Amino acid sequence: MLSDNSNHAGCDVMSGDDQGSINVKTAVDTDDKEAGLVDQEGKNTSGNTQLSEVGLDQNMDANYCFADIYVRNAPVYLKGFTGEPDGSVQAELRDSNKGLLAFEQGVCEITASSSFLTVAMSASDNAGLDQIRDYFEQTLRKMSAEKAIEFDWRKM
């Protein structure tokens, strides 16, 4: 349980739980009350969500990953990914060295140099991230004559 009531940049961290979330109480500026953005209890009336109304997930970074993959003639593979994607995947070739794959639960950006595909993907949850990784790996293996392609997915 986190309990720190010290002031950090206008926010007081009030409590945390074992589920990985932090509840944050923000300081309300008196100008906000005068402008009608918050009522006298400090509740937001502007339609915008205050930080205090949002539970911050400490595991937010669990839903993205990166990889640099060595392949000869990487721009050809990039065009293969963006040419005719499978099923519900939408693809766009941004320029000769960059493409974007859009999935129902996330996105995958692919950048090609002469010998490397650099892949960055993000999804709404771990299942979506697994789906995107599987699609990418299977599609690359289908396009490549080399079946022993190594994928080193990392967070940073």
N, C-alpha and C. Protein backbone atom coordinates (compact mmCIF):
# COMPACT_ATOMS: atom_id res chain seq x y z
N MET A 1 0.85 -1.18 0.00
CA MET A 1 0.00 0.00 0.00
C MET A 1 0.88 1.23 0.00
N LEU A 2 0.68 2.12 -0.94
CA LEU A 2 1.45 3.35 -1.06
C LEU A 2 0.74 4.44 -0.27
N SER A 3 1.48 5.16 0.52
CA SER A 3 0.88 6.27 1.26
C SER A 3 1.90 7.38 1.36
N ASP A 4 1.74 8.38 0.52
CA ASP A 4 2.67 9.50 0.47
C ASP A 4 1.85 10.75 0.27
N ASN A 5 1.79 11.60 1.25
CA ASN A 5 0.98 12.80 1.13
C ASN A 5 1.82 14.03 0.85
N SER A 6 3.03 13.86 0.35
CA SER A 6 3.86 15.01 0.00
C SER A 6 3.42 15.57 -1.34
N ASN A 7 3.59 16.86 -1.51
CA ASN A 7 3.13 17.53 -2.72
C ASN A 7 4.16 17.37 -3.83
N HIS A 8 3.75 16.85 -4.98
CA HIS A 8 4.61 16.68 -6.14
C HIS A 8 3.94 17.33 -7.33
N ALA A 9 4.45 18.48 -7.77
CA ALA A 9 3.96 19.18 -8.96
C ALA A 9 2.46 19.39 -8.93
N GLY A 10 1.91 19.79 -7.79
CA GLY A 10 0.49 20.09 -7.71
C GLY A 10 -0.38 18.89 -7.47
N CYS A 11 0.20 17.72 -7.24
CA CYS A 11 -0.58 16.51 -7.01
C CYS A 11 -0.20 15.91 -5.67
N ASP A 12 -1.16 15.39 -4.97
CA ASP A 12 -0.90 14.64 -3.75
C ASP A 12 -1.22 13.18 -4.03
N VAL A 13 -0.24 12.31 -3.89
CA VAL A 13 -0.48 10.88 -4.07
C VAL A 13 -1.15 10.41 -2.80
N MET A 14 -2.35 9.88 -2.91
CA MET A 14 -3.13 9.55 -1.73
C MET A 14 -3.02 8.09 -1.34
N SER A 15 -3.18 7.20 -2.28
CA SER A 15 -3.17 5.78 -1.92
C SER A 15 -2.90 4.95 -3.14
N GLY A 16 -2.55 3.72 -2.89
CA GLY A 16 -2.36 2.76 -3.97
C GLY A 16 -2.87 1.43 -3.50
N ASP A 17 -2.98 0.49 -4.41
CA ASP A 17 -3.42 -0.84 -4.02
C ASP A 17 -2.52 -1.88 -4.66
N ASP A 18 -2.73 -3.10 -4.29
CA ASP A 18 -1.91 -4.19 -4.81
C ASP A 18 -2.25 -4.55 -6.24
N GLN A 19 -3.27 -3.93 -6.81
CA GLN A 19 -3.68 -4.21 -8.18
C GLN A 19 -2.86 -3.43 -9.19
N GLY A 20 -1.93 -2.60 -8.75
CA GLY A 20 -1.08 -1.85 -9.67
C GLY A 20 -1.63 -0.49 -10.05
N SER A 21 -2.58 0.03 -9.29
CA SER A 21 -3.11 1.34 -9.64
C SER A 21 -2.76 2.34 -8.55
N ILE A 22 -2.71 3.59 -8.94
CA ILE A 22 -2.43 4.68 -8.00
C ILE A 22 -3.58 5.67 -8.12
N ASN A 23 -4.08 6.10 -7.01
CA ASN A 23 -5.10 7.13 -7.01
C ASN A 23 -4.42 8.45 -6.69
N VAL A 24 -4.69 9.46 -7.49
CA VAL A 24 -4.02 10.74 -7.34
C VAL A 24 -5.06 11.82 -7.08
N LYS A 25 -4.82 12.65 -6.10
CA LYS A 25 -5.68 13.79 -5.81
C LYS A 25 -4.96 15.03 -6.29
N THR A 26 -5.59 15.78 -7.17
CA THR A 26 -4.95 16.99 -7.70
C THR A 26 -5.37 18.20 -6.89
N ALA A 27 -4.48 19.17 -6.87
CA ALA A 27 -4.81 20.44 -6.23
C ALA A 27 -5.70 21.22 -7.18
N VAL A 28 -6.78 21.79 -6.68
CA VAL A 28 -7.70 22.57 -7.50
C VAL A 28 -7.36 24.04 -7.33
N ASP A 29 -7.12 24.71 -8.43
CA ASP A 29 -6.79 26.13 -8.42
C ASP A 29 -8.07 26.93 -8.15
N THR A 30 -7.98 27.96 -7.33
CA THR A 30 -9.16 28.79 -7.05
C THR A 30 -9.65 29.50 -8.30
N ASP A 31 -8.76 29.75 -9.28
CA ASP A 31 -9.19 30.36 -10.54
C ASP A 31 -10.13 29.43 -11.30
N ASP A 32 -9.92 28.09 -11.16
CA ASP A 32 -10.81 27.13 -11.81
C ASP A 32 -12.21 27.23 -11.23
N LYS A 33 -12.32 27.42 -9.90
CA LYS A 33 -13.63 27.56 -9.28
C LYS A 33 -14.31 28.83 -9.76
N GLU A 34 -13.54 29.93 -9.83
CA GLU A 34 -14.11 31.20 -10.27
C GLU A 34 -14.53 31.14 -11.73
N ALA A 35 -13.82 30.37 -12.54
CA ALA A 35 -14.15 30.27 -13.96
C ALA A 35 -15.29 29.29 -14.22
N GLY A 36 -15.75 28.60 -13.17
CA GLY A 36 -16.86 27.67 -13.34
C GLY A 36 -16.42 26.31 -13.86
N LEU A 37 -15.11 26.04 -13.87
CA LEU A 37 -14.63 24.75 -14.35
C LEU A 37 -14.80 23.64 -13.32
N VAL A 38 -14.83 24.02 -12.05
CA VAL A 38 -15.09 23.06 -10.97
C VAL A 38 -16.09 23.69 -10.02
N ASP A 39 -16.88 22.85 -9.34
CA ASP A 39 -17.82 23.38 -8.36
C ASP A 39 -17.10 23.56 -7.03
N GLN A 40 -17.81 23.95 -6.00
CA GLN A 40 -17.19 24.27 -4.71
C GLN A 40 -16.53 23.06 -4.05
N GLU A 41 -16.97 21.84 -4.38
CA GLU A 41 -16.34 20.64 -3.83
C GLU A 41 -15.13 20.22 -4.64
N GLY A 42 -14.85 20.93 -5.73
CA GLY A 42 -13.70 20.59 -6.55
C GLY A 42 -14.00 19.61 -7.66
N LYS A 43 -15.28 19.30 -7.88
CA LYS A 43 -15.64 18.37 -8.96
C LYS A 43 -15.62 19.10 -10.29
N ASN A 44 -15.16 18.42 -11.30
CA ASN A 44 -15.00 18.99 -12.63
C ASN A 44 -16.36 19.22 -13.28
N THR A 45 -16.61 20.43 -13.74
CA THR A 45 -17.84 20.73 -14.45
C THR A 45 -17.57 21.15 -15.89
N SER A 46 -16.30 21.11 -16.31
CA SER A 46 -15.95 21.59 -17.65
C SER A 46 -16.13 20.53 -18.72
N GLY A 47 -16.35 19.26 -18.33
CA GLY A 47 -16.45 18.20 -19.31
C GLY A 47 -15.12 17.49 -19.51
N ASN A 48 -14.03 18.08 -19.05
CA ASN A 48 -12.72 17.44 -19.14
C ASN A 48 -12.49 16.58 -17.91
N THR A 49 -11.79 15.50 -18.08
CA THR A 49 -11.51 14.61 -16.97
C THR A 49 -10.32 15.12 -16.17
N GLN A 50 -10.50 15.28 -14.89
CA GLN A 50 -9.40 15.67 -14.00
C GLN A 50 -8.54 14.45 -13.72
N LEU A 51 -7.27 14.68 -13.43
CA LEU A 51 -6.37 13.59 -13.10
C LEU A 51 -6.88 12.80 -11.90
N SER A 52 -7.54 13.48 -10.96
CA SER A 52 -8.04 12.80 -9.77
C SER A 52 -9.15 11.82 -10.10
N GLU A 53 -9.77 11.95 -11.26
CA GLU A 53 -10.85 11.05 -11.66
C GLU A 53 -10.33 9.84 -12.41
N VAL A 54 -9.04 9.79 -12.67
CA VAL A 54 -8.47 8.73 -13.48
C VAL A 54 -7.57 7.88 -12.62
N GLY A 55 -7.77 6.56 -12.62
CA GLY A 55 -6.84 5.66 -11.95
C GLY A 55 -5.68 5.39 -12.88
N LEU A 56 -4.46 5.67 -12.44
CA LEU A 56 -3.29 5.47 -13.27
C LEU A 56 -2.82 4.02 -13.14
N ASP A 57 -2.62 3.36 -14.24
CA ASP A 57 -2.19 1.97 -14.26
C ASP A 57 -0.68 1.92 -14.33
N GLN A 58 -0.05 1.34 -13.32
CA GLN A 58 1.41 1.24 -13.32
C GLN A 58 1.90 0.27 -14.38
N ASN A 59 1.05 -0.58 -14.89
CA ASN A 59 1.45 -1.57 -15.89
C ASN A 59 1.10 -1.14 -17.30
N MET A 60 0.90 0.17 -17.53
CA MET A 60 0.53 0.65 -18.86
C MET A 60 1.57 0.25 -19.89
N ASP A 61 2.83 0.18 -19.49
CA ASP A 61 3.89 -0.13 -20.45
C ASP A 61 3.89 -1.59 -20.86
N ALA A 62 3.03 -2.40 -20.30
CA ALA A 62 3.00 -3.82 -20.64
C ALA A 62 2.39 -4.07 -22.01
N ASN A 63 1.81 -3.07 -22.64
CA ASN A 63 1.09 -3.28 -23.88
C ASN A 63 1.80 -2.71 -25.10
N TYR A 64 3.11 -2.67 -25.08
CA TYR A 64 3.86 -2.26 -26.26
C TYR A 64 5.18 -3.02 -26.30
N CYS A 65 5.77 -3.12 -27.48
CA CYS A 65 7.09 -3.74 -27.61
C CYS A 65 7.74 -3.30 -28.91
N PHE A 66 9.05 -3.53 -29.00
CA PHE A 66 9.87 -3.13 -30.13
C PHE A 66 10.75 -4.29 -30.55
N ALA A 67 11.21 -4.26 -31.79
CA ALA A 67 12.20 -5.23 -32.25
C ALA A 67 12.93 -4.68 -33.46
N ASP A 68 14.21 -5.02 -33.56
CA ASP A 68 15.01 -4.79 -34.77
C ASP A 68 15.29 -6.17 -35.33
N ILE A 69 14.87 -6.41 -36.56
CA ILE A 69 14.98 -7.74 -37.15
C ILE A 69 15.87 -7.66 -38.38
N TYR A 70 16.91 -8.47 -38.38
CA TYR A 70 17.84 -8.49 -39.51
C TYR A 70 17.24 -9.32 -40.63
N VAL A 71 17.04 -8.70 -41.77
CA VAL A 71 16.62 -9.39 -43.00
C VAL A 71 17.29 -8.68 -44.17
N ARG A 72 17.72 -9.45 -45.13
CA ARG A 72 18.29 -8.83 -46.34
C ARG A 72 17.18 -8.17 -47.13
N ASN A 73 17.45 -7.02 -47.67
CA ASN A 73 16.50 -6.32 -48.52
C ASN A 73 15.19 -6.00 -47.78
N ALA A 74 15.32 -5.41 -46.61
CA ALA A 74 14.18 -5.12 -45.74
C ALA A 74 13.05 -4.31 -46.40
N PRO A 75 13.34 -3.33 -47.28
CA PRO A 75 12.23 -2.59 -47.90
C PRO A 75 11.27 -3.48 -48.70
N VAL A 76 11.77 -4.57 -49.25
CA VAL A 76 10.89 -5.50 -49.97
C VAL A 76 9.89 -6.14 -49.00
N TYR A 77 10.35 -6.49 -47.81
CA TYR A 77 9.46 -7.07 -46.80
C TYR A 77 8.43 -6.05 -46.32
N LEU A 78 8.86 -4.81 -46.18
CA LEU A 78 7.93 -3.76 -45.80
C LEU A 78 6.79 -3.66 -46.81
N LYS A 79 7.13 -3.68 -48.08
CA LYS A 79 6.10 -3.62 -49.12
C LYS A 79 5.21 -4.86 -49.08
N GLY A 80 5.78 -6.00 -48.70
CA GLY A 80 4.98 -7.21 -48.55
C GLY A 80 3.96 -7.10 -47.43
N PHE A 81 4.34 -6.47 -46.34
CA PHE A 81 3.41 -6.27 -45.22
C PHE A 81 2.29 -5.32 -45.58
N THR A 82 2.60 -4.29 -46.34
CA THR A 82 1.59 -3.27 -46.64
C THR A 82 0.85 -3.52 -47.94
N GLY A 83 1.28 -4.50 -48.72
CA GLY A 83 0.65 -4.79 -50.01
C GLY A 83 -0.77 -5.28 -49.89
N GLU A 84 -0.94 -6.49 -49.41
CA GLU A 84 -2.26 -7.09 -49.25
C GLU A 84 -2.34 -7.77 -47.89
N PRO A 85 -2.71 -7.03 -46.86
CA PRO A 85 -2.76 -7.63 -45.52
C PRO A 85 -3.91 -8.62 -45.39
N ASP A 86 -3.79 -9.51 -44.42
CA ASP A 86 -4.80 -10.54 -44.18
C ASP A 86 -5.97 -9.99 -43.37
N GLY A 87 -7.16 -10.49 -43.66
CA GLY A 87 -8.35 -10.27 -42.85
C GLY A 87 -8.66 -8.84 -42.48
N SER A 88 -8.78 -8.61 -41.19
CA SER A 88 -9.22 -7.30 -40.69
C SER A 88 -8.07 -6.32 -40.50
N VAL A 89 -6.87 -6.66 -40.95
CA VAL A 89 -5.71 -5.77 -40.82
C VAL A 89 -5.75 -4.74 -41.93
N GLN A 90 -5.59 -3.48 -41.56
CA GLN A 90 -5.50 -2.41 -42.55
C GLN A 90 -4.05 -1.96 -42.62
N ALA A 91 -3.56 -1.71 -43.83
CA ALA A 91 -2.16 -1.35 -44.01
C ALA A 91 -2.02 -0.08 -44.82
N GLU A 92 -0.97 0.66 -44.51
CA GLU A 92 -0.68 1.89 -45.24
C GLU A 92 0.83 2.02 -45.36
N LEU A 93 1.30 2.25 -46.58
CA LEU A 93 2.71 2.54 -46.82
C LEU A 93 2.87 4.05 -46.73
N ARG A 94 3.53 4.54 -45.68
CA ARG A 94 3.66 5.98 -45.45
C ARG A 94 4.67 6.61 -46.40
N ASP A 95 5.79 5.95 -46.61
CA ASP A 95 6.78 6.33 -47.62
C ASP A 95 7.56 5.06 -47.95
N SER A 96 8.62 5.17 -48.72
CA SER A 96 9.32 3.96 -49.16
C SER A 96 9.97 3.19 -48.01
N ASN A 97 10.12 3.82 -46.84
CA ASN A 97 10.78 3.16 -45.72
C ASN A 97 9.92 3.00 -44.48
N LYS A 98 8.65 3.36 -44.54
CA LYS A 98 7.81 3.31 -43.34
C LYS A 98 6.40 2.87 -43.69
N GLY A 99 5.88 1.94 -42.88
CA GLY A 99 4.51 1.47 -43.07
C GLY A 99 3.80 1.34 -41.74
N LEU A 100 2.48 1.25 -41.81
CA LEU A 100 1.65 1.15 -40.62
C LEU A 100 0.63 0.05 -40.83
N LEU A 101 0.50 -0.82 -39.83
CA LEU A 101 -0.53 -1.85 -39.83
C LEU A 101 -1.49 -1.53 -38.69
N ALA A 102 -2.78 -1.48 -38.99
CA ALA A 102 -3.79 -1.19 -37.97
C ALA A 102 -4.62 -2.44 -37.74
N PHE A 103 -4.71 -2.83 -36.48
CA PHE A 103 -5.48 -3.99 -36.06
C PHE A 103 -6.66 -3.51 -35.24
N GLU A 104 -7.58 -4.41 -34.95
CA GLU A 104 -8.74 -4.04 -34.15
C GLU A 104 -8.33 -3.54 -32.77
N GLN A 105 -7.28 -4.14 -32.19
CA GLN A 105 -6.89 -3.79 -30.83
C GLN A 105 -5.54 -3.08 -30.73
N GLY A 106 -4.98 -2.62 -31.85
CA GLY A 106 -3.69 -1.94 -31.76
C GLY A 106 -3.10 -1.59 -33.10
N VAL A 107 -1.86 -1.11 -33.07
CA VAL A 107 -1.16 -0.70 -34.29
C VAL A 107 0.27 -1.22 -34.26
N CYS A 108 0.85 -1.30 -35.46
CA CYS A 108 2.22 -1.74 -35.63
C CYS A 108 2.87 -0.84 -36.68
N GLU A 109 3.95 -0.17 -36.30
CA GLU A 109 4.69 0.66 -37.24
C GLU A 109 5.96 -0.07 -37.63
N ILE A 110 6.23 -0.13 -38.92
CA ILE A 110 7.40 -0.83 -39.44
C ILE A 110 8.25 0.16 -40.22
N THR A 111 9.52 0.22 -39.88
CA THR A 111 10.48 1.06 -40.60
C THR A 111 11.55 0.15 -41.18
N ALA A 112 11.91 0.39 -42.44
CA ALA A 112 12.89 -0.46 -43.11
C ALA A 112 14.14 0.32 -43.47
N SER A 113 15.29 -0.26 -43.14
CA SER A 113 16.57 0.21 -43.66
C SER A 113 17.02 -0.86 -44.65
N SER A 114 18.23 -0.81 -45.14
CA SER A 114 18.64 -1.81 -46.13
C SER A 114 18.63 -3.23 -45.57
N SER A 115 18.96 -3.41 -44.28
CA SER A 115 19.08 -4.76 -43.73
C SER A 115 18.26 -5.01 -42.47
N PHE A 116 17.50 -4.03 -42.02
CA PHE A 116 16.74 -4.21 -40.78
C PHE A 116 15.31 -3.72 -40.93
N LEU A 117 14.40 -4.46 -40.31
CA LEU A 117 13.05 -3.98 -40.08
C LEU A 117 12.99 -3.59 -38.61
N THR A 118 12.62 -2.36 -38.34
CA THR A 118 12.42 -1.92 -36.97
C THR A 118 10.92 -1.86 -36.76
N VAL A 119 10.46 -2.58 -35.75
CA VAL A 119 9.03 -2.73 -35.52
C VAL A 119 8.68 -2.17 -34.15
N ALA A 120 7.65 -1.34 -34.09
CA ALA A 120 7.12 -0.83 -32.82
C ALA A 120 5.63 -1.11 -32.83
N MET A 121 5.15 -1.75 -31.78
CA MET A 121 3.72 -2.06 -31.73
C MET A 121 3.14 -1.72 -30.37
N SER A 122 1.87 -1.40 -30.40
CA SER A 122 1.14 -1.06 -29.19
C SER A 122 -0.27 -1.60 -29.32
N ALA A 123 -0.82 -2.08 -28.19
CA ALA A 123 -2.16 -2.65 -28.22
C ALA A 123 -2.92 -2.26 -26.96
N SER A 124 -4.22 -2.46 -26.99
CA SER A 124 -5.06 -2.10 -25.86
C SER A 124 -4.87 -3.03 -24.67
N ASP A 125 -4.41 -4.26 -24.92
CA ASP A 125 -4.15 -5.20 -23.83
C ASP A 125 -3.13 -6.24 -24.29
N ASN A 126 -2.74 -7.13 -23.39
CA ASN A 126 -1.73 -8.13 -23.73
C ASN A 126 -2.20 -9.10 -24.80
N ALA A 127 -3.47 -9.43 -24.81
CA ALA A 127 -4.00 -10.34 -25.84
C ALA A 127 -3.88 -9.69 -27.22
N GLY A 128 -4.17 -8.41 -27.30
CA GLY A 128 -4.03 -7.69 -28.57
C GLY A 128 -2.59 -7.62 -29.01
N LEU A 129 -1.68 -7.41 -28.06
CA LEU A 129 -0.25 -7.37 -28.37
C LEU A 129 0.23 -8.72 -28.89
N ASP A 130 -0.22 -9.80 -28.26
CA ASP A 130 0.14 -11.15 -28.72
C ASP A 130 -0.38 -11.40 -30.13
N GLN A 131 -1.59 -10.94 -30.42
CA GLN A 131 -2.18 -11.11 -31.75
C GLN A 131 -1.34 -10.39 -32.80
N ILE A 132 -0.91 -9.17 -32.52
CA ILE A 132 -0.12 -8.40 -33.47
C ILE A 132 1.25 -9.04 -33.67
N ARG A 133 1.89 -9.46 -32.58
CA ARG A 133 3.20 -10.12 -32.68
C ARG A 133 3.11 -11.39 -33.50
N ASP A 134 2.09 -12.21 -33.24
CA ASP A 134 1.91 -13.46 -33.98
C ASP A 134 1.70 -13.18 -35.47
N TYR A 135 0.86 -12.21 -35.78
CA TYR A 135 0.61 -11.86 -37.17
C TYR A 135 1.90 -11.44 -37.85
N PHE A 136 2.67 -10.57 -37.19
CA PHE A 136 3.91 -10.07 -37.77
C PHE A 136 4.89 -11.21 -38.00
N GLU A 137 5.11 -12.06 -36.99
CA GLU A 137 6.07 -13.15 -37.11
C GLU A 137 5.66 -14.15 -38.19
N GLN A 138 4.40 -14.55 -38.21
CA GLN A 138 3.93 -15.52 -39.22
C GLN A 138 4.02 -14.95 -40.62
N THR A 139 3.64 -13.70 -40.79
CA THR A 139 3.68 -13.08 -42.11
C THR A 139 5.12 -12.95 -42.60
N LEU A 140 6.02 -12.55 -41.74
CA LEU A 140 7.43 -12.42 -42.14
C LEU A 140 8.02 -13.79 -42.50
N ARG A 141 7.69 -14.81 -41.75
CA ARG A 141 8.19 -16.16 -42.05
C ARG A 141 7.63 -16.68 -43.38
N LYS A 142 6.39 -16.34 -43.69
CA LYS A 142 5.81 -16.75 -44.98
C LYS A 142 6.52 -16.07 -46.14
N MET A 143 6.90 -14.81 -45.97
CA MET A 143 7.56 -14.07 -47.05
C MET A 143 9.02 -14.44 -47.21
N SER A 144 9.65 -14.91 -46.16
CA SER A 144 11.10 -15.13 -46.18
C SER A 144 11.45 -16.56 -46.55
N ALA A 145 12.52 -16.70 -47.33
CA ALA A 145 13.04 -18.04 -47.62
C ALA A 145 13.73 -18.60 -46.38
N GLU A 146 14.24 -17.73 -45.53
CA GLU A 146 14.87 -18.15 -44.28
C GLU A 146 13.80 -18.36 -43.23
N LYS A 147 13.70 -19.56 -42.72
CA LYS A 147 12.68 -19.85 -41.70
C LYS A 147 13.20 -19.64 -40.29
N ALA A 148 14.51 -19.46 -40.13
CA ALA A 148 15.11 -19.28 -38.80
C ALA A 148 15.31 -17.80 -38.50
N ILE A 149 14.24 -17.05 -38.51
CA ILE A 149 14.31 -15.63 -38.17
C ILE A 149 14.12 -15.50 -36.67
N GLU A 150 15.01 -14.75 -36.03
CA GLU A 150 14.91 -14.56 -34.59
C GLU A 150 14.25 -13.22 -34.28
N PHE A 151 13.33 -13.26 -33.33
CA PHE A 151 12.63 -12.06 -32.89
C PHE A 151 13.00 -11.80 -31.43
N ASP A 152 13.54 -10.65 -31.16
CA ASP A 152 13.91 -10.26 -29.81
C ASP A 152 13.03 -9.08 -29.41
N TRP A 153 11.81 -9.38 -28.96
CA TRP A 153 10.88 -8.33 -28.58
C TRP A 153 11.31 -7.76 -27.23
N ARG A 154 11.31 -6.45 -27.13
CA ARG A 154 11.73 -5.79 -25.89
C ARG A 154 10.84 -4.59 -25.60
N LYS A 155 10.93 -4.13 -24.37
CA LYS A 155 10.14 -2.97 -23.93
C LYS A 155 10.88 -1.67 -24.15
N MET A 156 12.20 -1.69 -24.10
CA MET A 156 13.00 -0.49 -24.34
C MET A 156 14.20 -0.80 -25.16
